[in-house]
Amino acid sequence: MIQGACHCGAVSFVYPDRPDWLKRCNCSFCRRAGALWAYAETGRITLNFAEGATLRYIWGDKTLAFHSCKTCGCTTHWENLDPSPEARMGVNCALAEPADIADLRVRRFDGADTWDYLD
């Protein structure tokens, strides 16, 4: 299990197990956010925040909505705008305690150009 929260604690998540790896994407959004993404089916990740506590940012091909805390600005997660039951979501594990993710491999992903893993 991995738990994480934004700086002020208004938005938190629980990832139910240990991912095989985390993703560092270099697309124009993710590189600015400094995110380390872990993915799971939407219903497997627990999000905790009050209604209206996040800002949604939708851009590009409009398939994902990125969420940031309205109070401290940390990028916390993204949701897939595809309503299918197989839809995934991502949580920013850079918001977890460093010791809790230190043993996880970080894969670099070229989201800016080729959409290939670089490792």
C-alpha atoms as a PDB file:
ATOM      1  CA  MET A   1       0.000   0.000   0.000  1.00  0.00           C
ATOM      2  CA  ILE A   2       1.138   3.544  -0.729  1.00  0.00           C
ATOM      3  CA  GLN A   3      -0.418   6.581   0.930  1.00  0.00           C
ATOM      4  CA  GLY A   4       0.152  10.126  -0.222  1.00  0.00           C
ATOM      5  CA  ALA A   5      -1.176  13.621   0.377  1.00  0.00           C
ATOM      6  CA  CYS A   6      -0.727  17.115  -0.951  1.00  0.00           C
ATOM      7  CA  HIS A   7       1.339  19.598   1.075  1.00  0.00           C
ATOM      8  CA  CYS A   8      -1.598  20.937   3.104  1.00  0.00           C
ATOM      9  CA  GLY A   9      -3.276  17.536   3.511  1.00  0.00           C
ATOM     10  CA  ALA A  10      -6.595  18.506   1.930  1.00  0.00           C
ATOM     11  CA  VAL A  11      -6.250  15.819  -0.777  1.00  0.00           C
ATOM     12  CA  SER A  12      -4.946  12.346  -0.061  1.00  0.00           C
ATOM     13  CA  PHE A  13      -4.928   8.918  -1.674  1.00  0.00           C
ATOM     14  CA  VAL A  14      -4.389   5.267  -0.865  1.00  0.00           C
ATOM     15  CA  TYR A  15      -2.934   3.046  -3.574  1.00  0.00           C
ATOM     16  CA  PRO A  16      -4.008  -0.459  -2.523  1.00  0.00           C
ATOM     17  CA  ASP A  17      -0.807  -2.399  -3.168  1.00  0.00           C
ATOM     18  CA  ARG A  18       2.723  -1.881  -4.498  1.00  0.00           C
ATOM     19  CA  PRO A  19       3.059  -1.070  -8.206  1.00  0.00           C
ATOM     20  CA  ASP A  20       5.783  -2.823 -10.172  1.00  0.00           C
ATOM     21  CA  TRP A  21       7.157   0.612 -11.069  1.00  0.00           C
ATOM     22  CA  LEU A  22       6.420   4.332 -11.154  1.00  0.00           C
ATOM     23  CA  LYS A  23       6.323   6.430 -14.314  1.00  0.00           C
ATOM     24  CA  ARG A  24       8.133   9.720 -14.845  1.00  0.00           C
ATOM     25  CA  CYS A  25       6.669  11.290 -17.997  1.00  0.00           C
ATOM     26  CA  ASN A  26       8.292  14.183 -19.853  1.00  0.00           C
ATOM     27  CA  CYS A  27       5.150  15.571 -21.485  1.00  0.00           C
ATOM     28  CA  SER A  28       4.615  19.294 -21.119  1.00  0.00           C
ATOM     29  CA  PHE A  29       2.339  18.849 -18.090  1.00  0.00           C
ATOM     30  CA  CYS A  30       4.007  16.015 -16.157  1.00  0.00           C
ATOM     31  CA  ARG A  31       7.517  17.428 -16.345  1.00  0.00           C
ATOM     32  CA  ARG A  32       6.263  20.680 -14.844  1.00  0.00           C
ATOM     33  CA  ALA A  33       4.318  18.845 -12.131  1.00  0.00           C
ATOM     34  CA  GLY A  34       7.300  16.650 -11.201  1.00  0.00           C
ATOM     35  CA  ALA A  35       4.959  13.701 -10.895  1.00  0.00           C
ATOM     36  CA  LEU A  36       5.777  10.036 -10.298  1.00  0.00           C
ATOM     37  CA  TRP A  37       2.667   8.214 -11.490  1.00  0.00           C
ATOM     38  CA  ALA A  38       1.232   4.902 -10.305  1.00  0.00           C
ATOM     39  CA  TYR A  39      -1.782   3.541 -12.147  1.00  0.00           C
ATOM     40  CA  ALA A  40      -4.716   1.301 -11.310  1.00  0.00           C
ATOM     41  CA  GLU A  41      -8.289   0.746 -12.348  1.00  0.00           C
ATOM     42  CA  THR A  42     -10.344   3.701 -11.192  1.00  0.00           C
ATOM     43  CA  GLY A  43     -12.241   1.857  -8.461  1.00  0.00           C
ATOM     44  CA  ARG A  44      -9.104   0.443  -6.792  1.00  0.00           C
ATOM     45  CA  ILE A  45      -7.601   3.749  -5.654  1.00  0.00           C
ATOM     46  CA  THR A  46      -9.121   5.562  -2.687  1.00  0.00           C
ATOM     47  CA  LEU A  47      -9.202   9.351  -2.922  1.00  0.00           C
ATOM     48  CA  ASN A  48     -10.021  11.515   0.077  1.00  0.00           C
ATOM     49  CA  PHE A  49     -10.974  15.153  -0.391  1.00  0.00           C
ATOM     50  CA  ALA A  50     -13.944  17.406   0.132  1.00  0.00           C
ATOM     51  CA  GLU A  51     -16.085  18.380  -2.830  1.00  0.00           C
ATOM     52  CA  GLY A  52     -14.551  21.391  -4.510  1.00  0.00           C
ATOM     53  CA  ALA A  53     -11.089  20.848  -2.965  1.00  0.00           C
ATOM     54  CA  THR A  54      -9.398  20.277  -6.325  1.00  0.00           C
ATOM     55  CA  LEU A  55      -9.013  22.134  -9.571  1.00  0.00           C
ATOM     56  CA  ARG A  56      -9.485  20.060 -12.743  1.00  0.00           C
ATOM     57  CA  TYR A  57      -7.278  20.762 -15.744  1.00  0.00           C
ATOM     58  CA  ILE A  58      -8.210  19.192 -19.082  1.00  0.00           C
ATOM     59  CA  TRP A  59      -6.038  19.823 -22.121  1.00  0.00           C
ATOM     60  CA  GLY A  60      -4.705  18.264 -25.329  1.00  0.00           C
ATOM     61  CA  ASP A  61      -6.838  15.404 -26.593  1.00  0.00           C
ATOM     62  CA  LYS A  62      -9.207  15.897 -23.619  1.00  0.00           C
ATOM     63  CA  THR A  63      -9.042  12.285 -22.412  1.00  0.00           C
ATOM     64  CA  LEU A  64      -7.617  13.012 -18.942  1.00  0.00           C
ATOM     65  CA  ALA A  65      -8.464  15.461 -16.184  1.00  0.00           C
ATOM     66  CA  PHE A  66      -5.537  16.377 -13.939  1.00  0.00           C
ATOM     67  CA  HIS A  67      -6.398  17.380 -10.369  1.00  0.00           C
ATOM     68  CA  SER A  68      -4.486  19.792  -8.159  1.00  0.00           C
ATOM     69  CA  CYS A  69      -5.237  20.904  -4.627  1.00  0.00           C
ATOM     70  CA  LYS A  70      -6.967  24.296  -4.590  1.00  0.00           C
ATOM     71  CA  THR A  71      -5.157  25.281  -1.396  1.00  0.00           C
ATOM     72  CA  CYS A  72      -1.497  24.278  -1.888  1.00  0.00           C
ATOM     73  CA  GLY A  73      -1.390  23.614  -5.636  1.00  0.00           C
ATOM     74  CA  CYS A  74       0.092  20.102  -5.603  1.00  0.00           C
ATOM     75  CA  THR A  75      -0.857  17.896  -8.556  1.00  0.00           C
ATOM     76  CA  THR A  76      -2.458  14.904  -6.863  1.00  0.00           C
ATOM     77  CA  HIS A  77      -4.007  12.629  -9.468  1.00  0.00           C
ATOM     78  CA  TRP A  78      -5.586  12.330 -12.864  1.00  0.00           C
ATOM     79  CA  GLU A  79      -8.834  10.717 -13.905  1.00  0.00           C
ATOM     80  CA  ASN A  80      -9.639   9.131 -17.224  1.00  0.00           C
ATOM     81  CA  LEU A  81     -12.587  10.819 -18.928  1.00  0.00           C
ATOM     82  CA  ASP A  82     -13.397   7.537 -20.704  1.00  0.00           C
ATOM     83  CA  PRO A  83     -16.407   6.088 -18.873  1.00  0.00           C
ATOM     84  CA  SER A  84     -15.530   2.456 -19.676  1.00  0.00           C
ATOM     85  CA  PRO A  85     -15.208  -0.022 -16.778  1.00  0.00           C
ATOM     86  CA  GLU A  86     -11.574  -0.671 -17.769  1.00  0.00           C
ATOM     87  CA  ALA A  87     -10.612   2.985 -17.316  1.00  0.00           C
ATOM     88  CA  ARG A  88      -7.546   3.685 -15.219  1.00  0.00           C
ATOM     89  CA  MET A  89      -6.451   6.598 -13.131  1.00  0.00           C
ATOM     90  CA  GLY A  90      -3.103   7.789 -11.844  1.00  0.00           C
ATOM     91  CA  VAL A  91      -1.924   9.071  -8.487  1.00  0.00           C
ATOM     92  CA  ASN A  92       1.175  11.167  -7.946  1.00  0.00           C
ATOM     93  CA  CYS A  93       3.420   9.065  -5.710  1.00  0.00           C
ATOM     94  CA  ALA A  94       5.829  11.976  -5.354  1.00  0.00           C
ATOM     95  CA  LEU A  95       3.328  12.952  -2.639  1.00  0.00           C
ATOM     96  CA  ALA A  96       4.103   9.801  -0.636  1.00  0.00           C
ATOM     97  CA  GLU A  97       6.797   9.658   2.016  1.00  0.00           C
ATOM     98  CA  PRO A  98      10.134   9.133   0.215  1.00  0.00           C
ATOM     99  CA  ALA A  99      10.956   6.010   2.236  1.00  0.00           C
ATOM    100  CA  ASP A 100       7.664   4.417   1.133  1.00  0.00           C
ATOM    101  CA  ILE A 101       8.594   4.539  -2.551  1.00  0.00           C
ATOM    102  CA  ALA A 102      12.411   4.371  -2.373  1.00  0.00           C
ATOM    103  CA  ASP A 103      12.567   0.731  -3.482  1.00  0.00           C
ATOM    104  CA  LEU A 104      10.325   1.188  -6.539  1.00  0.00           C
ATOM    105  CA  ARG A 105      11.804   1.353 -10.018  1.00  0.00           C
ATOM    106  CA  VAL A 106      11.141   4.610 -11.879  1.00  0.00           C
ATOM    107  CA  ARG A 107      10.546   4.194 -15.610  1.00  0.00           C
ATOM    108  CA  ARG A 108      11.072   7.175 -17.887  1.00  0.00           C
ATOM    109  CA  PHE A 109       8.367   7.695 -20.494  1.00  0.00           C
ATOM    110  CA  ASP A 110       8.645   9.939 -23.550  1.00  0.00           C
ATOM    111  CA  GLY A 111       5.190  11.493 -23.460  1.00  0.00           C
ATOM    112  CA  ALA A 112       6.529  14.554 -25.275  1.00  0.00           C
ATOM    113  CA  ASP A 113       7.389  12.808 -28.513  1.00  0.00           C
ATOM    114  CA  THR A 114       7.503   9.048 -29.162  1.00  0.00           C
ATOM    115  CA  TRP A 115       5.192   7.645 -26.466  1.00  0.00           C
ATOM    116  CA  ASP A 116       7.843   5.000 -25.770  1.00  0.00           C
ATOM    117  CA  TYR A 117       9.583   4.026 -22.567  1.00  0.00           C
ATOM    118  CA  LEU A 118      13.176   5.231 -22.574  1.00  0.00           C
ATOM    119  CA  ASP A 119      14.625   2.466 -20.398  1.00  0.00           C
END
